[in-house]
Amino acid sequence: RFECTTLCPGARARVFSDATLNSSMLCRCKIGQGVGTDCTDCPNDTFSELHFINGRYTRVCRRCPLYSEFRGGGSAESHRDCRCKVGSYMREITAGADGNAPYGECRSCPQWPFRTTLRTGADSEDLCVCSPEYADLLGRGDRCGCQDGYYMDHVSRACSLCSIHEQCTWGVEGVTRSLQPPEVKPGFWALQPPVVDNYGRSTFSGHDIWQCASKYTCPGGGRCAPNRMGQACGLCKPHYYGSLNGPCGPCLYLPSMARTLFITGLVASALAPFLAHLWLEFDSEEETEISLALRSFLIS
């Protein structure tokens, strides 16, 4: 399980070594044969790698790249023996200028989980294919999605038929759009539900679609006309008014006007006792004159 560097056997040149030379320092574990002075096997999910430590070459156990595994009981010779898990592939990282050994990392397939690998140990992105766990996925180049007229139901994990009120024409470039909730056509409305759960997984299974008063009330895509709200955009927002058709306009009776009227009422209430007091201060003669004037007015 060991290999050693010899002192040039058979060479014509005579080599002298110091008496303090420890010949064991010239030995190391063979590749894939463990680490240390007794060549102990590396544990699972690790591999042995040659390092220059304290003036000598020795092998150390290094953990396999993230999302990979190895069950060889210490016989792994490099990171290439570590197998990336299903859904990822090994991407090689070349040695840097510092002379470190090449290394690798497991990268998830683009569009995972809709694209995946069919086995562990994939070493190229080319091995990523449309996942068989989602029914009816269609591969278009390096993309996967549903065909035109269908959308992804994430609960049943299958492509489902769109209704006539949804936009489901994807084309080649937009095939990945089919994996998201489809847009609703103008004149119709659908509640936009949260489509991701606490674990980052989509929970969308289909729209509940409502018919609006017109396409001017619901311009499409689940949106409402300006200043409208509610199911099928049937309500105006507070302080706005309008018919069932089209946007809502601002009310003329604005909150600022209400404040003005309120302040005016307070002022009038404060002045009322003072005016009543002035009236009571009139003497009887003035009251008589006022009464005669009123009577003459009525008679005339």
Protein backbone atom coordinates (compact mmCIF):
# COMPACT_ATOMS: atom_id res chain seq x y z
CA ARG A 1 0.00 0.00 0.00
CA PHE A 2 3.11 2.22 0.10
CA GLU A 3 5.27 3.81 -2.55
CA CYS A 4 8.66 5.36 -1.90
CA THR A 5 11.04 7.69 -3.67
CA THR A 6 14.46 6.01 -3.98
CA LEU A 7 17.86 7.66 -3.82
CA CYS A 8 18.60 7.28 -7.51
CA PRO A 9 19.50 3.55 -7.62
CA GLY A 10 21.89 2.62 -10.40
CA ALA A 11 23.01 6.17 -10.94
CA ARG A 12 26.67 6.65 -11.67
CA ALA A 13 26.83 9.68 -9.44
CA ARG A 14 27.53 8.87 -5.82
CA VAL A 15 24.90 10.21 -3.45
CA PHE A 16 25.71 10.94 0.18
CA SER A 17 22.93 11.41 2.69
CA ASP A 18 23.02 12.85 6.15
CA ALA A 19 22.87 10.38 9.00
CA THR A 20 19.77 12.09 10.28
CA LEU A 21 17.86 11.32 7.07
CA ASN A 22 14.60 9.51 7.82
CA SER A 23 14.07 7.31 4.80
CA SER A 24 10.42 6.87 5.74
CA MET A 25 9.96 10.50 4.83
CA LEU A 26 10.42 9.40 1.21
CA CYS A 27 7.41 7.09 1.39
CA ARG A 28 3.71 7.73 1.07
CA CYS A 29 0.49 5.78 0.56
CA LYS A 30 -0.20 4.66 -2.97
CA ILE A 31 -2.92 6.44 -4.82
CA GLY A 32 -6.30 5.25 -3.61
CA GLN A 33 -4.77 3.33 -0.69
CA GLY A 34 -5.63 5.62 2.19
CA VAL A 35 -3.72 8.21 4.17
CA GLY A 36 -1.31 8.54 7.09
CA THR A 37 1.65 6.40 8.10
CA ASP A 38 -0.52 3.28 8.17
CA CYS A 39 -2.52 4.13 5.03
CA THR A 40 -5.89 4.24 6.77
CA ASP A 41 -8.83 4.18 4.35
CA CYS A 42 -10.64 7.47 3.82
CA PRO A 43 -14.28 7.41 4.96
CA ASN A 44 -17.22 7.34 2.59
CA ASP A 45 -17.90 10.48 0.52
CA THR A 46 -14.20 11.40 0.53
CA PHE A 47 -11.17 10.71 -1.64
CA SER A 48 -7.41 10.74 -1.04
CA GLU A 49 -5.40 13.57 -2.54
CA LEU A 50 -1.65 14.18 -2.64
CA HIS A 51 -0.53 17.27 -0.68
CA PHE A 52 2.90 18.70 0.19
CA ILE A 53 2.81 19.20 3.97
CA ASN A 54 5.72 19.97 6.31
CA GLY A 55 8.36 19.25 3.71
CA ARG A 56 6.96 15.95 2.47
CA TYR A 57 4.33 14.64 0.12
CA THR A 58 1.46 12.89 1.84
CA ARG A 59 -2.09 11.96 1.09
CA VAL A 60 -5.04 13.53 2.88
CA CYS A 61 -8.74 12.73 2.81
CA ARG A 62 -10.73 15.39 1.03
CA ARG A 63 -14.52 15.56 0.99
CA CYS A 64 -16.31 14.89 -2.27
CA PRO A 65 -17.90 17.92 -3.95
CA LEU A 66 -21.27 19.06 -2.63
CA TYR A 67 -24.20 16.95 -3.92
CA SER A 68 -21.93 14.02 -4.72
CA GLU A 69 -21.12 10.77 -2.95
CA PHE A 70 -18.66 7.88 -2.94
CA ARG A 71 -19.04 4.48 -1.30
CA GLY A 72 -15.69 2.98 -2.18
CA GLY A 73 -14.28 2.57 1.32
CA GLY A 74 -11.20 4.71 0.69
CA SER A 75 -10.29 3.61 -2.83
CA ALA A 76 -11.29 6.90 -4.48
CA GLU A 77 -8.28 8.33 -6.28
CA SER A 78 -9.66 11.79 -7.12
CA HIS A 79 -12.83 13.86 -7.18
CA ARG A 80 -13.70 12.16 -10.47
CA ASP A 81 -14.54 9.02 -8.51
CA CYS A 82 -17.21 10.93 -6.59
CA ARG A 83 -20.58 10.57 -8.26
CA CYS A 84 -22.90 13.57 -8.56
CA LYS A 85 -26.43 12.80 -7.44
CA VAL A 86 -29.37 12.56 -9.85
CA GLY A 87 -30.25 16.02 -11.15
CA SER A 88 -26.67 17.30 -11.27
CA TYR A 89 -23.46 16.78 -13.22
CA MET A 90 -19.73 17.15 -12.51
CA ARG A 91 -18.13 20.34 -13.76
CA GLU A 92 -14.36 20.20 -13.89
CA ILE A 93 -12.37 23.03 -12.32
CA THR A 94 -8.81 23.11 -13.64
CA ALA A 95 -5.75 23.62 -11.48
CA GLY A 96 -4.95 27.19 -10.63
CA ALA A 97 -1.64 29.05 -10.86
CA ASP A 98 -0.83 27.97 -7.31
CA GLY A 99 -0.38 24.39 -8.51
CA ASN A 100 -3.30 22.90 -6.61
CA ALA A 101 -4.76 19.74 -8.06
CA PRO A 102 -7.78 20.00 -10.36
CA TYR A 103 -11.08 19.85 -8.60
CA GLY A 104 -14.76 19.65 -9.55
CA GLU A 105 -18.22 20.69 -8.46
CA CYS A 106 -21.68 19.23 -8.96
CA ARG A 107 -23.98 21.65 -10.74
CA SER A 108 -27.74 21.27 -10.94
CA CYS A 109 -29.17 20.75 -14.40
CA PRO A 110 -30.63 23.94 -15.89
CA GLN A 111 -34.40 24.07 -15.26
CA TRP A 112 -34.14 21.52 -12.47
CA PRO A 113 -36.40 19.72 -11.49
CA PHE A 114 -37.92 19.77 -14.99
CA ARG A 115 -34.55 18.75 -16.44
CA THR A 116 -32.53 16.09 -14.66
CA THR A 117 -30.09 13.24 -15.14
CA LEU A 118 -31.31 9.66 -15.27
CA ARG A 119 -28.51 8.26 -13.12
CA THR A 120 -25.79 9.28 -10.71
CA GLY A 121 -22.31 10.15 -11.89
CA ALA A 122 -23.20 12.40 -14.83
CA ASP A 123 -20.12 14.27 -16.02
CA SER A 124 -21.66 16.60 -18.62
CA GLU A 125 -24.60 18.99 -18.94
CA ASP A 126 -25.45 17.14 -22.15
CA LEU A 127 -26.77 14.29 -19.97
CA CYS A 128 -29.55 16.54 -18.57
CA VAL A 129 -32.92 15.57 -20.11
CA CYS A 130 -36.61 16.32 -19.50
CA SER A 131 -37.63 14.73 -16.23
CA PRO A 132 -39.86 11.63 -16.49
CA GLU A 133 -41.44 12.63 -13.15
CA TYR A 134 -43.44 15.32 -15.01
CA ALA A 135 -45.82 13.84 -17.57
CA ASP A 136 -45.89 15.08 -21.18
CA LEU A 137 -42.85 17.37 -20.93
CA LEU A 138 -41.54 18.29 -24.36
CA GLY A 139 -37.87 18.88 -25.12
CA ARG A 140 -37.03 21.77 -27.44
CA GLY A 141 -33.29 22.16 -27.77
CA ASP A 142 -31.90 22.57 -24.27
CA ARG A 143 -35.30 23.55 -22.85
CA CYS A 144 -38.23 21.56 -21.50
CA GLY A 145 -41.89 22.55 -21.22
CA CYS A 146 -45.45 21.81 -22.25
CA GLN A 147 -46.64 21.96 -25.84
CA ASP A 148 -48.80 24.84 -27.10
CA GLY A 149 -52.24 24.85 -25.53
CA TYR A 150 -51.07 23.23 -22.27
CA TYR A 151 -49.66 24.47 -18.96
CA MET A 152 -47.88 22.73 -16.07
CA ASP A 153 -50.11 21.55 -13.22
CA HIS A 154 -47.56 21.35 -10.40
CA VAL A 155 -49.86 19.36 -8.11
CA SER A 156 -50.49 16.50 -10.55
CA ARG A 157 -47.04 16.98 -12.17
CA ALA A 158 -48.48 16.88 -15.67
CA CYS A 159 -49.19 19.21 -18.58
CA SER A 160 -52.89 20.19 -18.47
CA LEU A 161 -55.12 21.58 -21.22
CA CYS A 162 -55.59 25.37 -21.14
CA SER A 163 -59.08 26.89 -21.29
CA ILE A 164 -60.17 29.10 -24.20
CA HIS A 165 -59.81 32.09 -21.87
CA GLU A 166 -56.05 31.62 -21.33
CA GLN A 167 -53.03 32.59 -23.44
CA CYS A 168 -51.10 29.34 -24.04
CA THR A 169 -49.16 29.82 -27.25
CA TRP A 170 -45.54 29.32 -26.22
CA GLY A 171 -43.49 28.69 -29.36
CA VAL A 172 -39.95 27.33 -29.27
CA GLU A 173 -38.31 30.20 -27.39
CA GLY A 174 -41.10 30.57 -24.84
CA VAL A 175 -41.59 26.90 -24.00
CA THR A 176 -40.32 27.45 -20.44
CA ARG A 177 -43.13 29.98 -19.92
CA SER A 178 -45.55 27.01 -19.92
CA LEU A 179 -44.14 26.00 -16.54
CA GLN A 180 -45.61 29.18 -14.99
CA PRO A 181 -49.30 30.12 -14.55
CA PRO A 182 -50.76 31.11 -17.96
CA GLU A 183 -52.06 34.64 -18.51
CA VAL A 184 -55.82 35.24 -18.70
CA LYS A 185 -57.16 36.87 -21.87
CA PRO A 186 -58.70 40.39 -21.88
CA GLY A 187 -62.30 40.42 -20.66
CA PHE A 188 -61.58 37.77 -18.03
CA TRP A 189 -60.02 37.76 -14.59
CA ALA A 190 -58.40 35.21 -12.28
CA LEU A 191 -57.11 35.53 -8.76
CA GLN A 192 -53.32 35.44 -8.73
CA PRO A 193 -52.62 32.91 -5.93
CA PRO A 194 -49.26 32.38 -4.23
CA VAL A 195 -47.58 29.76 -6.38
CA VAL A 196 -44.68 28.86 -4.09
CA ASP A 197 -44.91 27.05 -0.75
CA ASN A 198 -42.58 27.36 2.23
CA TYR A 199 -40.09 24.98 0.59
CA GLY A 200 -39.81 26.92 -2.67
CA ARG A 201 -42.04 24.50 -4.61
CA SER A 202 -44.84 25.70 -6.88
CA THR A 203 -48.38 24.82 -5.81
CA PHE A 204 -50.19 26.12 -8.91
CA SER A 205 -52.73 23.69 -10.37
CA GLY A 206 -55.05 25.95 -12.40
CA HIS A 207 -56.99 29.23 -12.54
CA ASP A 208 -60.52 29.97 -11.33
CA ILE A 209 -61.58 32.31 -14.14
CA TRP A 210 -64.28 35.02 -13.90
CA GLN A 211 -65.87 36.88 -16.82
CA CYS A 212 -65.67 40.68 -16.54
CA ALA A 213 -68.06 43.38 -17.77
CA SER A 214 -65.73 44.00 -20.72
CA LYS A 215 -62.10 43.91 -21.81
CA TYR A 216 -61.87 47.55 -20.71
CA THR A 217 -62.61 46.52 -17.13
CA CYS A 218 -60.20 43.56 -17.25
CA PRO A 219 -57.38 44.22 -19.75
CA GLY A 220 -55.95 40.71 -19.26
CA GLY A 221 -53.21 38.98 -17.34
CA GLY A 222 -55.23 39.11 -14.11
CA ARG A 223 -54.99 42.91 -14.05
CA CYS A 224 -57.79 45.41 -13.45
CA ALA A 225 -58.44 48.73 -15.17
CA PRO A 226 -57.02 51.74 -13.30
CA ASN A 227 -58.54 52.28 -9.84
CA ARG A 228 -60.59 49.06 -9.97
CA MET A 229 -60.42 46.11 -7.54
CA GLY A 230 -62.23 42.97 -6.36
CA GLN A 231 -63.41 39.84 -8.13
CA ALA A 232 -63.71 40.38 -11.87
CA CYS A 233 -62.57 43.97 -11.12
CA GLY A 234 -66.19 44.76 -10.22
CA LEU A 235 -65.46 47.42 -7.57
CA CYS A 236 -63.94 50.88 -7.59
CA LYS A 237 -61.24 51.66 -5.08
CA PRO A 238 -62.14 53.93 -2.13
CA HIS A 239 -62.69 57.58 -3.18
CA TYR A 240 -63.26 56.54 -6.82
CA TYR A 241 -66.45 55.97 -8.79
CA GLY A 242 -67.52 54.67 -12.19
CA SER A 243 -69.73 52.29 -14.10
CA LEU A 244 -69.04 48.57 -14.47
CA ASN A 245 -67.19 49.25 -17.70
CA GLY A 246 -63.71 50.77 -17.85
CA PRO A 247 -61.59 52.57 -15.26
CA CYS A 248 -62.89 54.43 -12.22
CA GLY A 249 -62.43 58.19 -11.78
CA PRO A 250 -61.78 60.20 -8.61
CA CYS A 251 -64.78 61.39 -6.61
CA LEU A 252 -65.39 65.18 -6.54
CA TYR A 253 -66.11 65.01 -2.83
CA LEU A 254 -62.54 64.57 -1.74
CA PRO A 255 -61.28 64.05 1.83
CA SER A 256 -59.77 67.56 1.73
CA MET A 257 -63.25 69.03 1.05
CA ALA A 258 -64.67 67.04 3.95
CA ARG A 259 -62.03 68.52 6.25
CA THR A 260 -62.92 72.04 5.07
CA LEU A 261 -66.64 71.51 5.76
CA PHE A 262 -65.87 70.02 9.15
CA ILE A 263 -63.77 73.04 10.19
CA THR A 264 -66.48 75.42 8.92
CA GLY A 265 -69.07 73.59 11.06
CA LEU A 266 -66.88 73.91 14.13
CA VAL A 267 -66.50 77.65 13.60
CA ALA A 268 -70.25 78.09 13.14
CA SER A 269 -70.94 76.08 16.32
CA ALA A 270 -68.55 78.27 18.27
CA LEU A 271 -70.19 81.50 17.03
CA ALA A 272 -73.79 80.40 17.64
CA PRO A 273 -73.92 81.24 21.40
CA PHE A 274 -72.36 84.66 20.78
CA LEU A 275 -74.93 85.54 18.10
CA ALA A 276 -77.78 84.37 20.36
CA HIS A 277 -76.46 86.58 23.16
CA LEU A 278 -76.42 89.62 20.86
CA TRP A 279 -80.00 89.00 19.92
CA LEU A 280 -81.11 88.88 23.55
CA GLU A 281 -79.34 92.18 24.26
CA PHE A 282 -81.74 94.10 22.03
CA ASP A 283 -83.99 96.42 24.11
CA SER A 284 -87.73 96.25 23.92
CA GLU A 285 -87.92 99.35 21.72
CA GLU A 286 -85.66 97.80 19.12
CA GLU A 287 -87.68 94.61 19.29
CA THR A 288 -90.88 96.61 18.72
CA GLU A 289 -89.40 98.38 15.70
CA ILE A 290 -88.31 95.09 14.25
CA SER A 291 -91.77 93.58 14.85
CA LEU A 292 -93.54 96.54 13.19
CA ALA A 293 -91.15 96.33 10.24
CA LEU A 294 -91.88 92.67 9.82
CA ARG A 295 -95.63 93.23 10.01
CA SER A 296 -95.53 95.99 7.43
CA PHE A 297 -93.53 93.74 5.21
CA LEU A 298 -96.05 90.93 5.54
CA ILE A 299 -99.03 93.27 4.90
CA SER A 300 -97.48 94.77 1.84
